[in-house]
Amino acid sequence: MKSYLIKMRGEPIQRPRACWRDALWSWVGAFAGMLAICVVAAQWLSDQLLIVGSFGATSVLIYAVPASPLAQPRNVLIGSMLSALVGVACFQLLGATSVAVALSVSLAILVMQLTHTVHPPGAAAALIAVIGGPDVHALGWWYPLLPIGIGCALMLGVAILVNNLARHRRYPVHWR
């Protein structure tokens, strides 16, 4: 793996560059993870029910930078589900208002920090709960479980397989 230098707080640090094999396996993981969600949605649910925008960002973390603390299973699953719960609560109390949007994201960040489950796409899951439209709003309190919990679990299963079978890295780095 080649490396490059970046400056952090004025000090140069060496960062490894992704080789083409790692990039290809990241692609395989992201493709397989999203395909798994689409197949499950098409077979057992309405076509779009399991697919939310935050899964794109989750894919970047768990397939491209699986060693990141933000990509560990506890953060992905619990951080996303708690944030989705916060988003639903904000929508239920305030509707799709500017205040609900601001509260959903900021409270999701607060909850994830306090529970040590920070996963940036979790804030997007909270936001989607507020601005996601009638289909998302109709899910109500089910939204944190379906699509968020089940979708994250499917992607994590794929990430465990791809990152451990096809790479030199171990995933997850830790469960807690």
N, C-alpha and C. Protein backbone atom coordinates (compact mmCIF):
# COMPACT_ATOMS: atom_id res chain seq x y z
N MET A 1 0.84 -1.17 0.00
CA MET A 1 0.00 0.00 0.00
C MET A 1 0.89 1.24 0.00
N LYS A 2 0.68 2.15 -0.94
CA LYS A 2 1.43 3.39 -1.00
C LYS A 2 0.93 4.31 0.10
N SER A 3 1.73 5.31 0.41
CA SER A 3 1.29 6.24 1.44
C SER A 3 1.52 7.67 0.98
N TYR A 4 0.93 8.60 1.65
CA TYR A 4 1.11 10.01 1.36
C TYR A 4 1.14 10.75 2.68
N LEU A 5 1.71 11.95 2.66
CA LEU A 5 1.83 12.76 3.86
C LEU A 5 0.74 13.82 3.90
N ILE A 6 0.17 14.00 5.06
CA ILE A 6 -0.75 15.12 5.29
C ILE A 6 -0.30 15.80 6.57
N LYS A 7 -0.72 17.02 6.75
CA LYS A 7 -0.37 17.73 7.97
C LYS A 7 -1.57 17.77 8.88
N MET A 8 -1.35 17.39 10.13
CA MET A 8 -2.40 17.44 11.12
C MET A 8 -1.86 18.23 12.30
N ARG A 9 -2.49 19.35 12.59
CA ARG A 9 -2.03 20.24 13.65
C ARG A 9 -0.57 20.64 13.41
N GLY A 10 -0.24 20.85 12.13
CA GLY A 10 1.11 21.28 11.79
C GLY A 10 2.13 20.17 11.69
N GLU A 11 1.78 18.98 12.12
CA GLU A 11 2.72 17.85 12.09
C GLU A 11 2.40 16.94 10.92
N PRO A 12 3.42 16.57 10.13
CA PRO A 12 3.15 15.64 9.03
C PRO A 12 2.91 14.22 9.56
N ILE A 13 1.88 13.57 9.02
CA ILE A 13 1.64 12.18 9.36
C ILE A 13 1.47 11.40 8.07
N GLN A 14 1.88 10.16 8.11
CA GLN A 14 1.80 9.33 6.92
C GLN A 14 0.49 8.56 6.92
N ARG A 15 -0.24 8.63 5.79
CA ARG A 15 -1.51 7.93 5.63
C ARG A 15 -1.38 6.95 4.47
N PRO A 16 -1.85 5.74 4.64
CA PRO A 16 -1.80 4.80 3.52
C PRO A 16 -2.83 5.15 2.46
N ARG A 17 -2.43 5.00 1.21
CA ARG A 17 -3.36 5.17 0.10
C ARG A 17 -4.00 3.83 -0.20
N ALA A 18 -5.23 3.87 -0.63
CA ALA A 18 -5.91 2.63 -0.99
C ALA A 18 -5.31 2.10 -2.29
N CYS A 19 -4.97 0.84 -2.29
CA CYS A 19 -4.51 0.23 -3.53
C CYS A 19 -5.74 -0.17 -4.35
N TRP A 20 -5.53 -0.53 -5.60
CA TRP A 20 -6.66 -0.85 -6.47
C TRP A 20 -7.44 -2.04 -5.94
N ARG A 21 -6.76 -2.99 -5.26
CA ARG A 21 -7.48 -4.16 -4.71
C ARG A 21 -8.44 -3.73 -3.60
N ASP A 22 -7.96 -2.87 -2.70
CA ASP A 22 -8.84 -2.39 -1.63
C ASP A 22 -10.02 -1.61 -2.21
N ALA A 23 -9.74 -0.77 -3.20
CA ALA A 23 -10.81 0.00 -3.82
C ALA A 23 -11.83 -0.92 -4.49
N LEU A 24 -11.35 -1.95 -5.14
CA LEU A 24 -12.24 -2.90 -5.80
C LEU A 24 -13.09 -3.65 -4.77
N TRP A 25 -12.47 -4.08 -3.67
CA TRP A 25 -13.25 -4.78 -2.64
C TRP A 25 -14.25 -3.85 -1.96
N SER A 26 -13.90 -2.57 -1.83
CA SER A 26 -14.88 -1.60 -1.31
C SER A 26 -16.07 -1.52 -2.24
N TRP A 27 -15.80 -1.51 -3.54
CA TRP A 27 -16.88 -1.49 -4.53
C TRP A 27 -17.73 -2.75 -4.41
N VAL A 28 -17.08 -3.91 -4.32
CA VAL A 28 -17.82 -5.18 -4.20
C VAL A 28 -18.72 -5.15 -2.96
N GLY A 29 -18.18 -4.70 -1.84
CA GLY A 29 -18.97 -4.64 -0.61
C GLY A 29 -20.15 -3.70 -0.74
N ALA A 30 -19.91 -2.49 -1.25
CA ALA A 30 -21.00 -1.52 -1.39
C ALA A 30 -22.07 -2.03 -2.36
N PHE A 31 -21.64 -2.63 -3.47
CA PHE A 31 -22.60 -3.17 -4.44
C PHE A 31 -23.42 -4.30 -3.81
N ALA A 32 -22.73 -5.23 -3.16
CA ALA A 32 -23.42 -6.38 -2.55
C ALA A 32 -24.35 -5.94 -1.42
N GLY A 33 -23.89 -4.99 -0.61
CA GLY A 33 -24.72 -4.52 0.51
C GLY A 33 -25.98 -3.83 0.04
N MET A 34 -25.85 -2.94 -0.92
CA MET A 34 -27.04 -2.25 -1.43
C MET A 34 -27.94 -3.21 -2.21
N LEU A 35 -27.33 -4.14 -2.94
CA LEU A 35 -28.13 -5.13 -3.66
C LEU A 35 -28.92 -6.00 -2.69
N ALA A 36 -28.30 -6.38 -1.59
CA ALA A 36 -29.00 -7.20 -0.58
C ALA A 36 -30.22 -6.46 -0.05
N ILE A 37 -30.08 -5.18 0.22
CA ILE A 37 -31.21 -4.39 0.70
C ILE A 37 -32.31 -4.33 -0.37
N CYS A 38 -31.92 -4.11 -1.61
CA CYS A 38 -32.90 -4.03 -2.70
C CYS A 38 -33.62 -5.36 -2.92
N VAL A 39 -32.89 -6.47 -2.84
CA VAL A 39 -33.50 -7.79 -3.03
C VAL A 39 -34.49 -8.08 -1.90
N VAL A 40 -34.09 -7.83 -0.68
CA VAL A 40 -35.00 -8.05 0.45
C VAL A 40 -36.22 -7.16 0.32
N ALA A 41 -36.02 -5.92 -0.07
CA ALA A 41 -37.15 -5.00 -0.23
C ALA A 41 -38.10 -5.49 -1.32
N ALA A 42 -37.54 -5.95 -2.42
CA ALA A 42 -38.38 -6.39 -3.54
C ALA A 42 -39.10 -7.70 -3.23
N GLN A 43 -38.48 -8.58 -2.47
CA GLN A 43 -39.06 -9.89 -2.20
C GLN A 43 -40.12 -9.86 -1.09
N TRP A 44 -39.86 -9.09 -0.05
CA TRP A 44 -40.73 -9.17 1.13
C TRP A 44 -41.44 -7.87 1.48
N LEU A 45 -41.03 -6.79 0.88
CA LEU A 45 -41.60 -5.50 1.24
C LEU A 45 -41.93 -4.72 -0.02
N SER A 46 -42.45 -3.54 0.14
CA SER A 46 -42.62 -2.69 -1.04
C SER A 46 -41.22 -2.30 -1.52
N ASP A 47 -41.08 -2.05 -2.79
CA ASP A 47 -39.77 -1.87 -3.40
C ASP A 47 -38.86 -0.85 -2.72
N GLN A 48 -39.38 0.26 -2.31
CA GLN A 48 -38.52 1.32 -1.79
C GLN A 48 -38.49 1.40 -0.26
N LEU A 49 -39.19 0.55 0.41
CA LEU A 49 -39.33 0.67 1.85
C LEU A 49 -38.01 0.56 2.62
N LEU A 50 -37.10 -0.26 2.18
CA LEU A 50 -35.85 -0.44 2.90
C LEU A 50 -34.74 0.51 2.50
N ILE A 51 -34.94 1.34 1.51
CA ILE A 51 -33.84 2.13 0.95
C ILE A 51 -33.94 3.58 1.42
N VAL A 52 -32.93 4.02 2.16
CA VAL A 52 -32.87 5.42 2.60
C VAL A 52 -31.49 5.98 2.27
N GLY A 53 -31.42 7.28 2.10
CA GLY A 53 -30.19 7.94 1.68
C GLY A 53 -29.00 7.74 2.59
N SER A 54 -29.24 7.59 3.88
CA SER A 54 -28.12 7.45 4.81
C SER A 54 -27.31 6.17 4.56
N PHE A 55 -27.91 5.19 3.87
CA PHE A 55 -27.19 3.94 3.60
C PHE A 55 -26.02 4.15 2.65
N GLY A 56 -26.07 5.16 1.81
CA GLY A 56 -24.93 5.47 0.95
C GLY A 56 -23.71 5.86 1.76
N ALA A 57 -23.91 6.73 2.74
CA ALA A 57 -22.80 7.15 3.60
C ALA A 57 -22.32 6.02 4.51
N THR A 58 -23.25 5.20 4.98
CA THR A 58 -22.86 4.04 5.78
C THR A 58 -21.98 3.12 4.95
N SER A 59 -22.32 2.95 3.68
CA SER A 59 -21.52 2.10 2.79
C SER A 59 -20.08 2.59 2.68
N VAL A 60 -19.90 3.89 2.55
CA VAL A 60 -18.54 4.44 2.47
C VAL A 60 -17.74 4.04 3.71
N LEU A 61 -18.35 4.18 4.86
CA LEU A 61 -17.63 3.88 6.10
C LEU A 61 -17.34 2.39 6.26
N ILE A 62 -18.33 1.53 6.13
CA ILE A 62 -18.12 0.12 6.47
C ILE A 62 -17.38 -0.66 5.39
N TYR A 63 -17.39 -0.19 4.14
CA TYR A 63 -16.69 -0.91 3.08
C TYR A 63 -15.36 -0.26 2.70
N ALA A 64 -15.25 1.06 2.78
CA ALA A 64 -14.01 1.74 2.37
C ALA A 64 -13.06 2.03 3.53
N VAL A 65 -13.59 2.31 4.71
CA VAL A 65 -12.73 2.57 5.88
C VAL A 65 -13.21 1.76 7.08
N PRO A 66 -13.19 0.42 6.95
CA PRO A 66 -13.77 -0.43 7.99
C PRO A 66 -13.06 -0.36 9.35
N ALA A 67 -11.85 0.16 9.39
CA ALA A 67 -11.16 0.26 10.67
C ALA A 67 -11.57 1.51 11.46
N SER A 68 -12.31 2.41 10.83
CA SER A 68 -12.72 3.64 11.50
C SER A 68 -13.62 3.32 12.70
N PRO A 69 -13.43 4.04 13.80
CA PRO A 69 -14.34 3.85 14.95
C PRO A 69 -15.80 4.12 14.57
N LEU A 70 -16.02 4.99 13.60
CA LEU A 70 -17.38 5.33 13.17
C LEU A 70 -18.03 4.22 12.36
N ALA A 71 -17.23 3.23 11.92
CA ALA A 71 -17.73 2.15 11.07
C ALA A 71 -17.93 0.85 11.82
N GLN A 72 -17.75 0.85 13.12
CA GLN A 72 -17.89 -0.39 13.88
C GLN A 72 -19.37 -0.73 14.08
N PRO A 73 -19.69 -2.02 14.15
CA PRO A 73 -21.10 -2.46 14.18
C PRO A 73 -21.97 -1.77 15.22
N ARG A 74 -21.46 -1.60 16.41
CA ARG A 74 -22.27 -0.97 17.46
C ARG A 74 -22.65 0.45 17.05
N ASN A 75 -21.68 1.18 16.51
CA ASN A 75 -21.96 2.55 16.08
C ASN A 75 -22.95 2.57 14.92
N VAL A 76 -22.71 1.69 13.94
CA VAL A 76 -23.58 1.66 12.76
C VAL A 76 -25.02 1.35 13.17
N LEU A 77 -25.21 0.28 13.90
CA LEU A 77 -26.57 -0.18 14.22
C LEU A 77 -27.23 0.68 15.29
N ILE A 78 -26.59 0.81 16.42
CA ILE A 78 -27.22 1.54 17.54
C ILE A 78 -27.27 3.04 17.25
N GLY A 79 -26.18 3.60 16.74
CA GLY A 79 -26.17 5.03 16.42
C GLY A 79 -27.24 5.40 15.41
N SER A 80 -27.40 4.57 14.38
CA SER A 80 -28.41 4.84 13.35
C SER A 80 -29.83 4.68 13.91
N MET A 81 -30.06 3.62 14.67
CA MET A 81 -31.41 3.38 15.19
C MET A 81 -31.82 4.43 16.23
N LEU A 82 -30.90 4.80 17.11
CA LEU A 82 -31.23 5.84 18.10
C LEU A 82 -31.51 7.17 17.41
N SER A 83 -30.70 7.48 16.40
CA SER A 83 -30.91 8.73 15.66
C SER A 83 -32.25 8.72 14.94
N ALA A 84 -32.59 7.59 14.34
CA ALA A 84 -33.89 7.47 13.66
C ALA A 84 -35.03 7.67 14.66
N LEU A 85 -34.88 7.12 15.84
CA LEU A 85 -35.88 7.29 16.89
C LEU A 85 -36.04 8.76 17.26
N VAL A 86 -34.93 9.45 17.39
CA VAL A 86 -34.95 10.89 17.67
C VAL A 86 -35.68 11.63 16.55
N GLY A 87 -35.37 11.26 15.31
CA GLY A 87 -36.01 11.91 14.17
C GLY A 87 -37.51 11.71 14.15
N VAL A 88 -37.95 10.49 14.44
CA VAL A 88 -39.39 10.21 14.49
C VAL A 88 -40.05 11.03 15.60
N ALA A 89 -39.42 11.09 16.76
CA ALA A 89 -39.98 11.87 17.86
C ALA A 89 -40.11 13.34 17.48
N CYS A 90 -39.08 13.88 16.82
CA CYS A 90 -39.14 15.28 16.41
C CYS A 90 -40.27 15.51 15.41
N PHE A 91 -40.43 14.59 14.46
CA PHE A 91 -41.52 14.74 13.49
C PHE A 91 -42.88 14.61 14.18
N GLN A 92 -43.01 13.65 15.08
CA GLN A 92 -44.29 13.45 15.76
C GLN A 92 -44.69 14.68 16.57
N LEU A 93 -43.70 15.33 17.19
CA LEU A 93 -43.99 16.49 18.03
C LEU A 93 -44.15 17.79 17.24
N LEU A 94 -43.35 17.96 16.17
CA LEU A 94 -43.27 19.25 15.51
C LEU A 94 -43.61 19.24 14.02
N GLY A 95 -43.86 18.05 13.46
CA GLY A 95 -44.12 17.98 12.02
C GLY A 95 -42.85 18.21 11.23
N ALA A 96 -43.01 18.42 9.94
CA ALA A 96 -41.86 18.64 9.05
C ALA A 96 -41.52 20.12 9.01
N THR A 97 -41.13 20.65 10.17
CA THR A 97 -40.82 22.08 10.30
C THR A 97 -39.32 22.30 10.37
N SER A 98 -38.91 23.53 10.23
CA SER A 98 -37.48 23.87 10.34
C SER A 98 -36.94 23.52 11.72
N VAL A 99 -37.73 23.75 12.74
CA VAL A 99 -37.29 23.44 14.10
C VAL A 99 -37.12 21.93 14.26
N ALA A 100 -38.03 21.13 13.69
CA ALA A 100 -37.91 19.67 13.76
C ALA A 100 -36.66 19.20 13.03
N VAL A 101 -36.37 19.80 11.90
CA VAL A 101 -35.16 19.45 11.14
C VAL A 101 -33.92 19.72 11.99
N ALA A 102 -33.83 20.93 12.53
CA ALA A 102 -32.66 21.31 13.33
C ALA A 102 -32.54 20.45 14.59
N LEU A 103 -33.66 20.22 15.26
CA LEU A 103 -33.63 19.40 16.47
C LEU A 103 -33.27 17.95 16.17
N SER A 104 -33.79 17.40 15.09
CA SER A 104 -33.53 15.99 14.80
C SER A 104 -32.04 15.74 14.62
N VAL A 105 -31.38 16.58 13.85
CA VAL A 105 -29.94 16.39 13.61
C VAL A 105 -29.13 16.67 14.87
N SER A 106 -29.42 17.78 15.54
CA SER A 106 -28.61 18.14 16.72
C SER A 106 -28.84 17.18 17.88
N LEU A 107 -30.08 16.75 18.10
CA LEU A 107 -30.34 15.78 19.17
C LEU A 107 -29.76 14.41 18.83
N ALA A 108 -29.78 14.03 17.56
CA ALA A 108 -29.18 12.76 17.16
C ALA A 108 -27.69 12.77 17.48
N ILE A 109 -27.03 13.88 17.18
CA ILE A 109 -25.59 13.99 17.50
C ILE A 109 -25.39 13.88 19.00
N LEU A 110 -26.19 14.58 19.77
CA LEU A 110 -26.09 14.54 21.23
C LEU A 110 -26.28 13.12 21.76
N VAL A 111 -27.32 12.45 21.30
CA VAL A 111 -27.61 11.09 21.77
C VAL A 111 -26.47 10.14 21.38
N MET A 112 -25.98 10.24 20.15
CA MET A 112 -24.88 9.36 19.74
C MET A 112 -23.62 9.61 20.55
N GLN A 113 -23.33 10.88 20.84
CA GLN A 113 -22.14 11.16 21.65
C GLN A 113 -22.30 10.63 23.07
N LEU A 114 -23.46 10.82 23.65
CA LEU A 114 -23.68 10.37 25.03
C LEU A 114 -23.69 8.85 25.15
N THR A 115 -24.07 8.15 24.09
CA THR A 115 -24.11 6.68 24.12
C THR A 115 -22.87 6.05 23.48
N HIS A 116 -21.92 6.89 23.07
CA HIS A 116 -20.68 6.41 22.43
C HIS A 116 -20.97 5.56 21.20
N THR A 117 -21.93 6.01 20.39
CA THR A 117 -22.32 5.29 19.17
C THR A 117 -22.33 6.23 17.96
N VAL A 118 -21.35 7.13 17.88
CA VAL A 118 -21.35 8.12 16.81
C VAL A 118 -21.15 7.43 15.45
N HIS A 119 -22.10 7.67 14.58
CA HIS A 119 -22.08 7.18 13.20
C HIS A 119 -22.71 8.29 12.37
N PRO A 120 -21.90 9.08 11.64
CA PRO A 120 -22.43 10.26 10.95
C PRO A 120 -23.70 10.02 10.11
N PRO A 121 -23.83 8.89 9.40
CA PRO A 121 -25.09 8.68 8.68
C PRO A 121 -26.30 8.57 9.60
N GLY A 122 -26.09 8.36 10.88
CA GLY A 122 -27.20 8.36 11.84
C GLY A 122 -27.92 9.69 11.85
N ALA A 123 -27.17 10.78 11.77
CA ALA A 123 -27.80 12.10 11.73
C ALA A 123 -28.65 12.24 10.47
N ALA A 124 -28.20 11.64 9.37
CA ALA A 124 -29.01 11.65 8.14
C ALA A 124 -30.28 10.83 8.33
N ALA A 125 -30.19 9.73 9.05
CA ALA A 125 -31.39 8.92 9.33
C ALA A 125 -32.41 9.73 10.13
N ALA A 126 -31.92 10.53 11.08
CA ALA A 126 -32.82 11.40 11.85
C ALA A 126 -33.45 12.45 10.95
N LEU A 127 -32.66 13.06 10.10
CA LEU A 127 -33.16 14.06 9.18
C LEU A 127 -34.20 13.48 8.22
N ILE A 128 -33.94 12.29 7.69
CA ILE A 128 -34.87 11.64 6.77
C ILE A 128 -36.20 11.35 7.45
N ALA A 129 -36.17 11.05 8.75
CA ALA A 129 -37.42 10.81 9.49
C ALA A 129 -38.31 12.04 9.47
N VAL A 130 -37.71 13.21 9.41
CA VAL A 130 -38.48 14.45 9.40
C VAL A 130 -38.87 14.87 7.99
N ILE A 131 -37.94 14.81 7.05
CA ILE A 131 -38.19 15.36 5.71
C ILE A 131 -38.48 14.27 4.67
N GLY A 132 -38.57 13.01 5.09
CA GLY A 132 -38.69 11.89 4.16
C GLY A 132 -39.98 11.78 3.39
N GLY A 133 -40.97 12.53 3.74
CA GLY A 133 -42.21 12.50 2.99
C GLY A 133 -43.21 11.49 3.52
N PRO A 134 -44.35 11.37 2.85
CA PRO A 134 -45.46 10.55 3.34
C PRO A 134 -45.12 9.07 3.56
N ASP A 135 -44.31 8.48 2.67
CA ASP A 135 -43.97 7.07 2.84
C ASP A 135 -43.18 6.83 4.13
N VAL A 136 -42.22 7.69 4.39
CA VAL A 136 -41.43 7.58 5.63
C VAL A 136 -42.29 7.91 6.83
N HIS A 137 -43.06 8.97 6.74
CA HIS A 137 -43.91 9.38 7.87
C HIS A 137 -44.93 8.30 8.22
N ALA A 138 -45.42 7.58 7.20
CA ALA A 138 -46.41 6.51 7.45
C ALA A 138 -45.81 5.37 8.28
N LEU A 139 -44.50 5.20 8.23
CA LEU A 139 -43.86 4.14 9.03
C LEU A 139 -43.91 4.47 10.52
N GLY A 140 -43.95 5.74 10.86
CA GLY A 140 -44.03 6.15 12.26
C GLY A 140 -42.90 5.56 13.09
N TRP A 141 -43.27 4.97 14.22
CA TRP A 141 -42.28 4.43 15.16
C TRP A 141 -41.61 3.16 14.66
N TRP A 142 -42.06 2.60 13.53
CA TRP A 142 -41.39 1.45 12.91
C TRP A 142 -40.13 1.86 12.16
N TYR A 143 -40.02 3.11 11.77
CA TYR A 143 -38.89 3.59 10.97
C TYR A 143 -37.52 3.23 11.56
N PRO A 144 -37.28 3.37 12.87
CA PRO A 144 -35.96 2.99 13.38
C PRO A 144 -35.63 1.50 13.18
N LEU A 145 -36.65 0.65 13.17
CA LEU A 145 -36.42 -0.78 12.95
C LEU A 145 -36.42 -1.12 11.47
N LEU A 146 -37.41 -0.62 10.77
CA LEU A 146 -37.57 -0.91 9.35
C LEU A 146 -37.85 0.39 8.63
N PRO A 147 -36.92 0.93 7.96
CA PRO A 147 -35.80 0.35 7.26
C PRO A 147 -34.44 0.43 7.96
N ILE A 148 -34.28 1.31 8.95
CA ILE A 148 -32.94 1.60 9.46
C ILE A 148 -32.27 0.38 10.08
N GLY A 149 -32.87 -0.26 11.06
CA GLY A 149 -32.23 -1.38 11.74
C GLY A 149 -31.97 -2.56 10.83
N ILE A 150 -32.98 -2.95 10.06
CA ILE A 150 -32.83 -4.11 9.18
C ILE A 150 -31.83 -3.80 8.06
N GLY A 151 -31.92 -2.60 7.49
CA GLY A 151 -30.97 -2.23 6.43
C GLY A 151 -29.54 -2.21 6.93
N CYS A 152 -29.31 -1.63 8.11
CA CYS A 152 -27.96 -1.60 8.68
C CYS A 152 -27.46 -3.02 8.98
N ALA A 153 -28.34 -3.86 9.51
CA ALA A 153 -27.95 -5.24 9.81
C ALA A 153 -27.55 -5.99 8.53
N LEU A 154 -28.30 -5.81 7.46
CA LEU A 154 -27.95 -6.44 6.19
C LEU A 154 -26.59 -5.96 5.70
N MET A 155 -26.38 -4.64 5.72
CA MET A 155 -25.09 -4.11 5.27
C MET A 155 -23.94 -4.57 6.15
N LEU A 156 -24.17 -4.67 7.45
CA LEU A 156 -23.12 -5.15 8.35
C LEU A 156 -22.77 -6.60 8.07
N GLY A 157 -23.77 -7.43 7.79
CA GLY A 157 -23.50 -8.82 7.44
C GLY A 157 -22.62 -8.92 6.21
N VAL A 158 -22.93 -8.13 5.20
CA VAL A 158 -22.10 -8.11 3.99
C VAL A 158 -20.70 -7.58 4.31
N ALA A 159 -20.62 -6.53 5.13
CA ALA A 159 -19.32 -5.96 5.48
C ALA A 159 -18.44 -6.96 6.21
N ILE A 160 -19.03 -7.74 7.10
CA ILE A 160 -18.25 -8.75 7.81
C ILE A 160 -17.71 -9.78 6.83
N LEU A 161 -18.55 -10.23 5.91
CA LEU A 161 -18.10 -11.21 4.91
C LEU A 161 -17.02 -10.63 4.00
N VAL A 162 -17.30 -9.50 3.39
CA VAL A 162 -16.37 -8.93 2.41
C VAL A 162 -15.04 -8.54 3.06
N ASN A 163 -15.12 -7.85 4.18
CA ASN A 163 -13.89 -7.36 4.80
C ASN A 163 -13.03 -8.47 5.38
N ASN A 164 -13.63 -9.57 5.80
CA ASN A 164 -12.84 -10.66 6.38
C ASN A 164 -12.43 -11.72 5.36
N LEU A 165 -13.24 -11.96 4.35
CA LEU A 165 -12.91 -12.99 3.38
C LEU A 165 -12.01 -12.48 2.26
N ALA A 166 -12.17 -11.24 1.88
CA ALA A 166 -11.49 -10.75 0.70
C ALA A 166 -10.39 -9.74 0.99
N ARG A 167 -10.16 -9.40 2.19
CA ARG A 167 -9.17 -8.38 2.53
C ARG A 167 -8.20 -8.89 3.58
N HIS A 168 -7.16 -8.13 3.74
CA HIS A 168 -6.18 -8.44 4.77
C HIS A 168 -6.55 -7.82 6.11
N ARG A 169 -7.72 -7.18 6.18
CA ARG A 169 -8.16 -6.52 7.42
C ARG A 169 -9.18 -7.37 8.16
N ARG A 170 -9.23 -7.16 9.43
CA ARG A 170 -10.24 -7.79 10.26
C ARG A 170 -11.37 -6.80 10.51
N TYR A 171 -12.60 -7.26 10.32
CA TYR A 171 -13.76 -6.41 10.60
C TYR A 171 -14.79 -7.25 11.32
N PRO A 172 -15.32 -6.75 12.38
CA PRO A 172 -15.07 -5.44 12.98
C PRO A 172 -13.77 -5.43 13.78
N VAL A 173 -13.28 -4.21 13.98
CA VAL A 173 -12.09 -4.06 14.82
C VAL A 173 -12.48 -4.35 16.26
N HIS A 174 -13.68 -3.92 16.66
CA HIS A 174 -14.21 -4.21 17.98
C HIS A 174 -15.73 -4.18 17.91
N TRP A 175 -16.37 -4.88 18.82
CA TRP A 175 -17.83 -4.92 18.87
C TRP A 175 -18.40 -3.85 19.78
N ARG A 176 -17.65 -3.42 20.78
CA ARG A 176 -18.14 -2.42 21.73
C ARG A 176 -17.44 -1.12 21.57
